[in-house]
Amino acid sequence: MSKEFTREDLKHHDGKVPDKPILVGLRGKVYDVTAGANFYGPGGPYNCFAGRDASRMLGKMQTEPDALDPSTADFGEKELHSLNHWEKFFSDKYSLVGTIRD
């Protein structure tokens, strides 16, 4: 069953609360990355993406949000290619559990 998440909802799914799944938003979709808790959970190398819409960060290959976060409207070919790669990676590896509602 697919659920709608706000960006505020996602903040509660960053791995800090043990009984909540770890979620990552990407291009309006929300993926459950709990199976990769070693990477996305607290202390993991990709924890910066957990509990947020990480579209801009992944497309720009950055670990810190910026002033335009999570907008991708200004992306060029290189960033869109990166974002497409990450979207395929997440869709192949993790369960799609919902969408992001603005």
PDB file of N, CA and C in Angstrom:
ATOM      1  N   MET A   1       0.844  -1.187   0.000  1.00  0.00           N
ATOM      2  CA  MET A   1       0.000   0.000   0.000  1.00  0.00           C
ATOM      3  C   MET A   1       0.889   1.249   0.000  1.00  0.00           C
ATOM      4  N   SER A   2       0.628   2.135  -0.885  1.00  0.00           N
ATOM      5  CA  SER A   2       1.412   3.355  -1.027  1.00  0.00           C
ATOM      6  C   SER A   2       0.848   4.447  -0.122  1.00  0.00           C
ATOM      7  N   LYS A   3       1.733   5.203   0.473  1.00  0.00           N
ATOM      8  CA  LYS A   3       1.349   6.262   1.402  1.00  0.00           C
ATOM      9  C   LYS A   3       1.923   7.589   0.923  1.00  0.00           C
ATOM     10  N   GLU A   4       1.260   8.676   1.271  1.00  0.00           N
ATOM     11  CA  GLU A   4       1.793  10.008   0.986  1.00  0.00           C
ATOM     12  C   GLU A   4       2.535  10.513   2.216  1.00  0.00           C
ATOM     13  N   PHE A   5       3.721  11.069   1.978  1.00  0.00           N
ATOM     14  CA  PHE A   5       4.535  11.631   3.043  1.00  0.00           C
ATOM     15  C   PHE A   5       4.792  13.104   2.741  1.00  0.00           C
ATOM     16  N   THR A   6       4.752  13.925   3.766  1.00  0.00           N
ATOM     17  CA  THR A   6       5.229  15.292   3.611  1.00  0.00           C
ATOM     18  C   THR A   6       6.725  15.258   3.922  1.00  0.00           C
ATOM     19  N   ARG A   7       7.423  16.326   3.609  1.00  0.00           N
ATOM     20  CA  ARG A   7       8.846  16.394   3.960  1.00  0.00           C
ATOM     21  C   ARG A   7       9.016  16.362   5.477  1.00  0.00           C
ATOM     22  N   GLU A   8       8.048  16.918   6.186  1.00  0.00           N
ATOM     23  CA  GLU A   8       8.078  16.888   7.653  1.00  0.00           C
ATOM     24  C   GLU A   8       7.922  15.449   8.146  1.00  0.00           C
ATOM     25  N   ASP A   9       7.026  14.664   7.520  1.00  0.00           N
ATOM     26  CA  ASP A   9       6.857  13.250   7.878  1.00  0.00           C
ATOM     27  C   ASP A   9       8.172  12.491   7.705  1.00  0.00           C
ATOM     28  N   LEU A  10       8.852  12.764   6.598  1.00  0.00           N
ATOM     29  CA  LEU A  10      10.092  12.046   6.296  1.00  0.00           C
ATOM     30  C   LEU A  10      11.156  12.247   7.372  1.00  0.00           C
ATOM     31  N   LYS A  11      11.179  13.423   7.982  1.00  0.00           N
ATOM     32  CA  LYS A  11      12.187  13.722   9.000  1.00  0.00           C
ATOM     33  C   LYS A  11      12.184  12.713  10.144  1.00  0.00           C
ATOM     34  N   HIS A  12      11.044  12.081  10.379  1.00  0.00           N
ATOM     35  CA  HIS A  12      10.915  11.118  11.468  1.00  0.00           C
ATOM     36  C   HIS A  12      11.363   9.710  11.069  1.00  0.00           C
ATOM     37  N   HIS A  13      11.895   9.593   9.866  1.00  0.00           N
ATOM     38  CA  HIS A  13      12.323   8.290   9.335  1.00  0.00           C
ATOM     39  C   HIS A  13      13.793   8.328   8.937  1.00  0.00           C
ATOM     40  N   ASP A  14      14.614   8.879   9.820  1.00  0.00           N
ATOM     41  CA  ASP A  14      16.051   9.012   9.533  1.00  0.00           C
ATOM     42  C   ASP A  14      16.905   7.953  10.228  1.00  0.00           C
ATOM     43  N   GLY A  15      16.248   6.979  10.854  1.00  0.00           N
ATOM     44  CA  GLY A  15      16.969   5.892  11.512  1.00  0.00           C
ATOM     45  C   GLY A  15      17.206   6.107  12.987  1.00  0.00           C
ATOM     46  N   LYS A  16      16.834   7.246  13.512  1.00  0.00           N
ATOM     47  CA  LYS A  16      17.076   7.518  14.931  1.00  0.00           C
ATOM     48  C   LYS A  16      16.024   6.892  15.838  1.00  0.00           C
ATOM     49  N   VAL A  17      14.856   6.581  15.280  1.00  0.00           N
ATOM     50  CA  VAL A  17      13.791   5.934  16.052  1.00  0.00           C
ATOM     51  C   VAL A  17      13.746   4.465  15.624  1.00  0.00           C
ATOM     52  N   PRO A  18      14.143   3.562  16.529  1.00  0.00           N
ATOM     53  CA  PRO A  18      14.284   2.138  16.162  1.00  0.00           C
ATOM     54  C   PRO A  18      13.051   1.471  15.551  1.00  0.00           C
ATOM     55  N   ASP A  19      11.845   1.859  15.925  1.00  0.00           N
ATOM     56  CA  ASP A  19      10.655   1.170  15.412  1.00  0.00           C
ATOM     57  C   ASP A  19      10.094   1.788  14.135  1.00  0.00           C
ATOM     58  N   LYS A  20      10.776   2.785  13.589  1.00  0.00           N
ATOM     59  CA  LYS A  20      10.325   3.409  12.334  1.00  0.00           C
ATOM     60  C   LYS A  20      11.270   3.009  11.209  1.00  0.00           C
ATOM     61  N   PRO A  21      10.726   2.768  10.019  1.00  0.00           N
ATOM     62  CA  PRO A  21      11.599   2.439   8.883  1.00  0.00           C
ATOM     63  C   PRO A  21      12.449   3.651   8.471  1.00  0.00           C
ATOM     64  N   ILE A  22      13.582   3.368   7.870  1.00  0.00           N
ATOM     65  CA  ILE A  22      14.444   4.428   7.337  1.00  0.00           C
ATOM     66  C   ILE A  22      13.994   4.688   5.904  1.00  0.00           C
ATOM     67  N   LEU A  23      13.647   5.937   5.619  1.00  0.00           N
ATOM     68  CA  LEU A  23      13.105   6.285   4.312  1.00  0.00           C
ATOM     69  C   LEU A  23      13.963   7.334   3.620  1.00  0.00           C
ATOM     70  N   VAL A  24      14.019   7.241   2.288  1.00  0.00           N
ATOM     71  CA  VAL A  24      14.697   8.226   1.458  1.00  0.00           C
ATOM     72  C   VAL A  24      13.737   8.633   0.348  1.00  0.00           C
ATOM     73  N   GLY A  25      13.575   9.931   0.165  1.00  0.00           N
ATOM     74  CA  GLY A  25      12.753  10.450  -0.921  1.00  0.00           C
ATOM     75  C   GLY A  25      13.621  10.774  -2.122  1.00  0.00           C
ATOM     76  N   LEU A  26      13.091  10.483  -3.298  1.00  0.00           N
ATOM     77  CA  LEU A  26      13.812  10.750  -4.538  1.00  0.00           C
ATOM     78  C   LEU A  26      12.803  10.934  -5.664  1.00  0.00           C
ATOM     79  N   ARG A  27      12.826  12.116  -6.286  1.00  0.00           N
ATOM     80  CA  ARG A  27      11.933  12.425  -7.412  1.00  0.00           C
ATOM     81  C   ARG A  27      10.462  12.158  -7.120  1.00  0.00           C
ATOM     82  N   GLY A  28      10.044  12.560  -5.940  1.00  0.00           N
ATOM     83  CA  GLY A  28       8.635  12.416  -5.582  1.00  0.00           C
ATOM     84  C   GLY A  28       8.240  11.049  -5.071  1.00  0.00           C
ATOM     85  N   LYS A  29       9.183  10.125  -5.024  1.00  0.00           N
ATOM     86  CA  LYS A  29       8.917   8.773  -4.536  1.00  0.00           C
ATOM     87  C   LYS A  29       9.634   8.568  -3.207  1.00  0.00           C
ATOM     88  N   VAL A  30       9.101   7.662  -2.391  1.00  0.00           N
ATOM     89  CA  VAL A  30       9.706   7.368  -1.094  1.00  0.00           C
ATOM     90  C   VAL A  30      10.061   5.886  -1.044  1.00  0.00           C
ATOM     91  N   TYR A  31      11.320   5.611  -0.714  1.00  0.00           N
ATOM     92  CA  TYR A  31      11.834   4.248  -0.652  1.00  0.00           C
ATOM     93  C   TYR A  31      12.182   3.877   0.788  1.00  0.00           C
ATOM     94  N   ASP A  32      11.876   2.634   1.158  1.00  0.00           N
ATOM     95  CA  ASP A  32      12.246   2.098   2.459  1.00  0.00           C
ATOM     96  C   ASP A  32      13.638   1.489   2.322  1.00  0.00           C
ATOM     97  N   VAL A  33      14.629   2.134   2.929  1.00  0.00           N
ATOM     98  CA  VAL A  33      16.024   1.687   2.829  1.00  0.00           C
ATOM     99  C   VAL A  33      16.485   1.020   4.119  1.00  0.00           C
ATOM    100  N   THR A  34      15.537   0.591   4.954  1.00  0.00           N
ATOM    101  CA  THR A  34      15.864  -0.030   6.237  1.00  0.00           C
ATOM    102  C   THR A  34      16.798  -1.221   6.062  1.00  0.00           C
ATOM    103  N   ALA A  35      16.642  -1.968   4.976  1.00  0.00           N
ATOM    104  CA  ALA A  35      17.525  -3.116   4.720  1.00  0.00           C
ATOM    105  C   ALA A  35      18.985  -2.679   4.610  1.00  0.00           C
ATOM    106  N   GLY A  36      19.222  -1.439   4.269  1.00  0.00           N
ATOM    107  CA  GLY A  36      20.568  -0.883   4.170  1.00  0.00           C
ATOM    108  C   GLY A  36      20.896   0.001   5.369  1.00  0.00           C
ATOM    109  N   ALA A  37      20.390  -0.357   6.551  1.00  0.00           N
ATOM    110  CA  ALA A  37      20.574   0.462   7.753  1.00  0.00           C
ATOM    111  C   ALA A  37      22.033   0.736   8.070  1.00  0.00           C
ATOM    112  N   ASN A  38      22.927  -0.179   7.715  1.00  0.00           N
ATOM    113  CA  ASN A  38      24.360   0.056   7.951  1.00  0.00           C
ATOM    114  C   ASN A  38      24.857   1.257   7.158  1.00  0.00           C
ATOM    115  N   PHE A  39      24.203   1.543   6.042  1.00  0.00           N
ATOM    116  CA  PHE A  39      24.576   2.675   5.193  1.00  0.00           C
ATOM    117  C   PHE A  39      23.761   3.925   5.516  1.00  0.00           C
ATOM    118  N   TYR A  40      22.435   3.749   5.687  1.00  0.00           N
ATOM    119  CA  TYR A  40      21.526   4.883   5.814  1.00  0.00           C
ATOM    120  C   TYR A  40      21.161   5.234   7.255  1.00  0.00           C
ATOM    121  N   GLY A  41      21.448   4.336   8.186  1.00  0.00           N
ATOM    122  CA  GLY A  41      21.134   4.597   9.584  1.00  0.00           C
ATOM    123  C   GLY A  41      22.151   5.530  10.230  1.00  0.00           C
ATOM    124  N   PRO A  42      21.902   5.904  11.493  1.00  0.00           N
ATOM    125  CA  PRO A  42      22.824   6.792  12.212  1.00  0.00           C
ATOM    126  C   PRO A  42      24.260   6.250  12.187  1.00  0.00           C
ATOM    127  N   GLY A  43      25.196   7.101  11.854  1.00  0.00           N
ATOM    128  CA  GLY A  43      26.597   6.707  11.771  1.00  0.00           C
ATOM    129  C   GLY A  43      26.991   6.109  10.440  1.00  0.00           C
ATOM    130  N   GLY A  44      26.004   5.832   9.578  1.00  0.00           N
ATOM    131  CA  GLY A  44      26.291   5.266   8.259  1.00  0.00           C
ATOM    132  C   GLY A  44      26.749   6.333   7.288  1.00  0.00           C
ATOM    133  N   PRO A  45      27.494   5.939   6.268  1.00  0.00           N
ATOM    134  CA  PRO A  45      28.031   6.921   5.326  1.00  0.00           C
ATOM    135  C   PRO A  45      26.972   7.665   4.507  1.00  0.00           C
ATOM    136  N   TYR A  46      25.765   7.103   4.391  1.00  0.00           N
ATOM    137  CA  TYR A  46      24.710   7.746   3.606  1.00  0.00           C
ATOM    138  C   TYR A  46      23.545   8.217   4.470  1.00  0.00           C
ATOM    139  N   ASN A  47      23.769   8.327   5.777  1.00  0.00           N
ATOM    140  CA  ASN A  47      22.712   8.779   6.676  1.00  0.00           C
ATOM    141  C   ASN A  47      22.212  10.176   6.311  1.00  0.00           C
ATOM    142  N   CYS A  48      23.041  10.970   5.659  1.00  0.00           N
ATOM    143  CA  CYS A  48      22.637  12.329   5.268  1.00  0.00           C
ATOM    144  C   CYS A  48      21.444  12.320   4.318  1.00  0.00           C
ATOM    145  N   PHE A  49      21.186  11.199   3.633  1.00  0.00           N
ATOM    146  CA  PHE A  49      20.064  11.108   2.700  1.00  0.00           C
ATOM    147  C   PHE A  49      18.785  10.611   3.375  1.00  0.00           C
ATOM    148  N   ALA A  50      18.914  10.007   4.544  1.00  0.00           N
ATOM    149  CA  ALA A  50      17.777   9.400   5.242  1.00  0.00           C
ATOM    150  C   ALA A  50      16.863  10.462   5.834  1.00  0.00           C
ATOM    151  N   GLY A  51      15.573  10.200   5.741  1.00  0.00           N
ATOM    152  CA  GLY A  51      14.595  11.091   6.340  1.00  0.00           C
ATOM    153  C   GLY A  51      14.393  12.392   5.591  1.00  0.00           C
ATOM    154  N   ARG A  52      14.655  12.389   4.288  1.00  0.00           N
ATOM    155  CA  ARG A  52      14.528  13.623   3.505  1.00  0.00           C
ATOM    156  C   ARG A  52      14.309  13.311   2.031  1.00  0.00           C
ATOM    157  N   ASP A  53      13.927  14.341   1.292  1.00  0.00           N
ATOM    158  CA  ASP A  53      13.907  14.269  -0.161  1.00  0.00           C
ATOM    159  C   ASP A  53      15.345  14.561  -0.584  1.00  0.00           C
ATOM    160  N   ALA A  54      16.047  13.527  -0.999  1.00  0.00           N
ATOM    161  CA  ALA A  54      17.474  13.636  -1.312  1.00  0.00           C
ATOM    162  C   ALA A  54      17.733  13.859  -2.804  1.00  0.00           C
ATOM    163  N   SER A  55      16.731  14.232  -3.555  1.00  0.00           N
ATOM    164  CA  SER A  55      16.878  14.380  -5.013  1.00  0.00           C
ATOM    165  C   SER A  55      18.034  15.291  -5.402  1.00  0.00           C
ATOM    166  N   ARG A  56      18.069  16.490  -4.862  1.00  0.00           N
ATOM    167  CA  ARG A  56      19.116  17.433  -5.237  1.00  0.00           C
ATOM    168  C   ARG A  56      20.491  16.939  -4.786  1.00  0.00           C
ATOM    169  N   MET A  57      20.554  16.438  -3.567  1.00  0.00           N
ATOM    170  CA  MET A  57      21.830  15.967  -3.038  1.00  0.00           C
ATOM    171  C   MET A  57      22.395  14.831  -3.896  1.00  0.00           C
ATOM    172  N   LEU A  58      21.539  13.883  -4.267  1.00  0.00           N
ATOM    173  CA  LEU A  58      22.008  12.749  -5.076  1.00  0.00           C
ATOM    174  C   LEU A  58      22.364  13.183  -6.489  1.00  0.00           C
ATOM    175  N   GLY A  59      21.561  14.045  -7.077  1.00  0.00           N
ATOM    176  CA  GLY A  59      21.856  14.528  -8.426  1.00  0.00           C
ATOM    177  C   GLY A  59      23.141  15.327  -8.488  1.00  0.00           C
ATOM    178  N   LYS A  60      23.409  16.086  -7.442  1.00  0.00           N
ATOM    179  CA  LYS A  60      24.611  16.917  -7.379  1.00  0.00           C
ATOM    180  C   LYS A  60      25.791  16.173  -6.751  1.00  0.00           C
ATOM    181  N   MET A  61      25.535  14.952  -6.281  1.00  0.00           N
ATOM    182  CA  MET A  61      26.571  14.154  -5.609  1.00  0.00           C
ATOM    183  C   MET A  61      27.158  14.936  -4.432  1.00  0.00           C
ATOM    184  N   GLN A  62      26.274  15.469  -3.602  1.00  0.00           N
ATOM    185  CA  GLN A  62      26.705  16.213  -2.433  1.00  0.00           C
ATOM    186  C   GLN A  62      26.055  15.612  -1.191  1.00  0.00           C
ATOM    187  N   THR A  63      26.695  15.779  -0.064  1.00  0.00           N
ATOM    188  CA  THR A  63      26.176  15.216   1.175  1.00  0.00           C
ATOM    189  C   THR A  63      25.544  16.260   2.086  1.00  0.00           C
ATOM    190  N   GLU A  64      25.521  17.492   1.641  1.00  0.00           N
ATOM    191  CA  GLU A  64      24.883  18.560   2.406  1.00  0.00           C
ATOM    192  C   GLU A  64      23.790  19.199   1.555  1.00  0.00           C
ATOM    193  N   PRO A  65      22.635  19.483   2.162  1.00  0.00           N
ATOM    194  CA  PRO A  65      21.604  20.209   1.418  1.00  0.00           C
ATOM    195  C   PRO A  65      22.086  21.631   1.135  1.00  0.00           C
ATOM    196  N   ASP A  66      21.491  22.258   0.139  1.00  0.00           N
ATOM    197  CA  ASP A  66      21.843  23.648  -0.156  1.00  0.00           C
ATOM    198  C   ASP A  66      20.576  24.490  -0.204  1.00  0.00           C
ATOM    199  N   ALA A  67      20.716  25.739  -0.565  1.00  0.00           N
ATOM    200  CA  ALA A  67      19.592  26.675  -0.545  1.00  0.00           C
ATOM    201  C   ALA A  67      18.439  26.248  -1.448  1.00  0.00           C
ATOM    202  N   LEU A  68      18.717  25.496  -2.499  1.00  0.00           N
ATOM    203  CA  LEU A  68      17.665  25.058  -3.422  1.00  0.00           C
ATOM    204  C   LEU A  68      17.105  23.678  -3.072  1.00  0.00           C
ATOM    205  N   ASP A  69      17.611  23.068  -2.035  1.00  0.00           N
ATOM    206  CA  ASP A  69      17.200  21.727  -1.641  1.00  0.00           C
ATOM    207  C   ASP A  69      15.699  21.660  -1.447  1.00  0.00           C
ATOM    208  N   PRO A  70      14.963  20.726  -2.052  1.00  0.00           N
ATOM    209  CA  PRO A  70      15.356  19.609  -2.902  1.00  0.00           C
ATOM    210  C   PRO A  70      15.128  19.849  -4.396  1.00  0.00           C
ATOM    211  N   SER A  71      15.007  21.086  -4.825  1.00  0.00           N
ATOM    212  CA  SER A  71      14.699  21.404  -6.215  1.00  0.00           C
ATOM    213  C   SER A  71      15.749  20.867  -7.201  1.00  0.00           C
ATOM    214  N   THR A  72      15.249  20.375  -8.322  1.00  0.00           N
ATOM    215  CA  THR A  72      16.128  19.908  -9.393  1.00  0.00           C
ATOM    216  C   THR A  72      15.876  20.684 -10.688  1.00  0.00           C
ATOM    217  N   ALA A  73      15.134  21.778 -10.593  1.00  0.00           N
ATOM    218  CA  ALA A  73      14.733  22.554 -11.767  1.00  0.00           C
ATOM    219  C   ALA A  73      15.919  23.096 -12.572  1.00  0.00           C
ATOM    220  N   ASP A  74      17.040  23.324 -11.921  1.00  0.00           N
ATOM    221  CA  ASP A  74      18.202  23.893 -12.604  1.00  0.00           C
ATOM    222  C   ASP A  74      19.211  22.838 -13.053  1.00  0.00           C
ATOM    223  N   PHE A  75      18.859  21.578 -12.971  1.00  0.00           N
ATOM    224  CA  PHE A  75      19.796  20.506 -13.310  1.00  0.00           C
ATOM    225  C   PHE A  75      20.126  20.491 -14.797  1.00  0.00           C
ATOM    226  N   GLY A  76      21.383  20.277 -15.079  1.00  0.00           N
ATOM    227  CA  GLY A  76      21.838  20.068 -16.443  1.00  0.00           C
ATOM    228  C   GLY A  76      21.904  18.582 -16.733  1.00  0.00           C
ATOM    229  N   GLU A  77      22.469  18.246 -17.874  1.00  0.00           N
ATOM    230  CA  GLU A  77      22.532  16.851 -18.322  1.00  0.00           C
ATOM    231  C   GLU A  77      23.275  15.953 -17.330  1.00  0.00           C
ATOM    232  N   LYS A  78      24.383  16.427 -16.794  1.00  0.00           N
ATOM    233  CA  LYS A  78      25.188  15.630 -15.863  1.00  0.00           C
ATOM    234  C   LYS A  78      24.406  15.287 -14.591  1.00  0.00           C
ATOM    235  N   GLU A  79      23.733  16.297 -14.017  1.00  0.00           N
ATOM    236  CA  GLU A  79      22.966  16.058 -12.793  1.00  0.00           C
ATOM    237  C   GLU A  79      21.757  15.156 -13.056  1.00  0.00           C
ATOM    238  N   LEU A  80      21.094  15.354 -14.191  1.00  0.00           N
ATOM    239  CA  LEU A  80      19.948  14.497 -14.528  1.00  0.00           C
ATOM    240  C   LEU A  80      20.387  13.057 -14.744  1.00  0.00           C
ATOM    241  N   HIS A  81      21.538  12.871 -15.364  1.00  0.00           N
ATOM    242  CA  HIS A  81      22.077  11.524 -15.556  1.00  0.00           C
ATOM    243  C   HIS A  81      22.331  10.868 -14.198  1.00  0.00           C
ATOM    244  N   SER A  82      22.931  11.599 -13.288  1.00  0.00           N
ATOM    245  CA  SER A  82      23.198  11.093 -11.945  1.00  0.00           C
ATOM    246  C   SER A  82      21.894  10.745 -11.226  1.00  0.00           C
ATOM    247  N   LEU A  83      20.915  11.626 -11.330  1.00  0.00           N
ATOM    248  CA  LEU A  83      19.626  11.394 -10.687  1.00  0.00           C
ATOM    249  C   LEU A  83      18.937  10.164 -11.277  1.00  0.00           C
ATOM    250  N   ASN A  84      19.006   9.994 -12.587  1.00  0.00           N
ATOM    251  CA  ASN A  84      18.436   8.800 -13.225  1.00  0.00           C
ATOM    252  C   ASN A  84      19.108   7.535 -12.715  1.00  0.00           C
ATOM    253  N   HIS A  85      20.430   7.592 -12.574  1.00  0.00           N
ATOM    254  CA  HIS A  85      21.188   6.441 -12.044  1.00  0.00           C
ATOM    255  C   HIS A  85      20.699   6.086 -10.636  1.00  0.00           C
ATOM    256  N   TRP A  86      20.586   7.090  -9.777  1.00  0.00           N
ATOM    257  CA  TRP A  86      20.169   6.838  -8.398  1.00  0.00           C
ATOM    258  C   TRP A  86      18.729   6.339  -8.340  1.00  0.00           C
ATOM    259  N   GLU A  87      17.864   6.868  -9.187  1.00  0.00           N
ATOM    260  CA  GLU A  87      16.474   6.410  -9.196  1.00  0.00           C
ATOM    261  C   GLU A  87      16.401   4.931  -9.574  1.00  0.00           C
ATOM    262  N   LYS A  88      17.175   4.523 -10.566  1.00  0.00           N
ATOM    263  CA  LYS A  88      17.209   3.107 -10.953  1.00  0.00           C
ATOM    264  C   LYS A  88      17.771   2.257  -9.815  1.00  0.00           C
ATOM    265  N   PHE A  89      18.833   2.731  -9.187  1.00  0.00           N
ATOM    266  CA  PHE A  89      19.429   2.009  -8.070  1.00  0.00           C
ATOM    267  C   PHE A  89      18.407   1.778  -6.955  1.00  0.00           C
ATOM    268  N   PHE A  90      17.731   2.850  -6.532  1.00  0.00           N
ATOM    269  CA  PHE A  90      16.758   2.718  -5.449  1.00  0.00           C
ATOM    270  C   PHE A  90      15.592   1.831  -5.858  1.00  0.00           C
ATOM    271  N   SER A  91      15.087   1.979  -7.077  1.00  0.00           N
ATOM    272  CA  SER A  91      13.932   1.182  -7.497  1.00  0.00           C
ATOM    273  C   SER A  91      14.281  -0.294  -7.657  1.00  0.00           C
ATOM    274  N   ASP A  92      15.533  -0.592  -8.007  1.00  0.00           N
ATOM    275  CA  ASP A  92      15.957  -1.991  -8.132  1.00  0.00           C
ATOM    276  C   ASP A  92      16.234  -2.643  -6.781  1.00  0.00           C
ATOM    277  N   LYS A  93      16.678  -1.863  -5.816  1.00  0.00           N
ATOM    278  CA  LYS A  93      17.164  -2.421  -4.555  1.00  0.00           C
ATOM    279  C   LYS A  93      16.186  -2.310  -3.386  1.00  0.00           C
ATOM    280  N   TYR A  94      15.376  -1.275  -3.365  1.00  0.00           N
ATOM    281  CA  TYR A  94      14.527  -1.007  -2.203  1.00  0.00           C
ATOM    282  C   TYR A  94      13.053  -0.929  -2.576  1.00  0.00           C
ATOM    283  N   SER A  95      12.213  -1.142  -1.569  1.00  0.00           N
ATOM    284  CA  SER A  95      10.758  -1.094  -1.780  1.00  0.00           C
ATOM    285  C   SER A  95      10.263   0.337  -1.871  1.00  0.00           C
ATOM    286  N   LEU A  96       9.431   0.580  -2.862  1.00  0.00           N
ATOM    287  CA  LEU A  96       8.743   1.869  -3.001  1.00  0.00           C
ATOM    288  C   LEU A  96       7.567   1.826  -2.034  1.00  0.00           C
ATOM    289  N   VAL A  97       7.525   2.763  -1.085  1.00  0.00           N
ATOM    290  CA  VAL A  97       6.477   2.737  -0.055  1.00  0.00           C
ATOM    291  C   VAL A  97       5.537   3.915  -0.112  1.00  0.00           C
ATOM    292  N   GLY A  98       5.826   4.892  -0.946  1.00  0.00           N
ATOM    293  CA  GLY A  98       4.936   6.038  -1.012  1.00  0.00           C
ATOM    294  C   GLY A  98       5.434   7.131  -1.926  1.00  0.00           C
ATOM    295  N   THR A  99       4.796   8.268  -1.797  1.00  0.00           N
ATOM    296  CA  THR A  99       5.139   9.444  -2.583  1.00  0.00           C
ATOM    297  C   THR A  99       5.280  10.644  -1.639  1.00  0.00           C
ATOM    298  N   ILE A 100       5.933  11.678  -2.152  1.00  0.00           N
ATOM    299  CA  ILE A 100       6.107  12.905  -1.386  1.00  0.00           C
ATOM    300  C   ILE A 100       5.016  13.877  -1.790  1.00  0.00           C
ATOM    301  N   ARG A 101       4.329  14.385  -0.813  1.00  0.00           N
ATOM    302  CA  ARG A 101       3.274  15.383  -1.029  1.00  0.00           C
ATOM    303  C   ARG A 101       3.833  16.737  -0.640  1.00  0.00           C
ATOM    304  N   ASP A 102       3.724  17.697  -1.516  1.00  0.00           N
ATOM    305  CA  ASP A 102       4.219  19.052  -1.204  1.00  0.00           C
ATOM    306  C   ASP A 102       3.323  19.777  -0.248  1.00  0.00           C
TER     307      ASP A 102
END
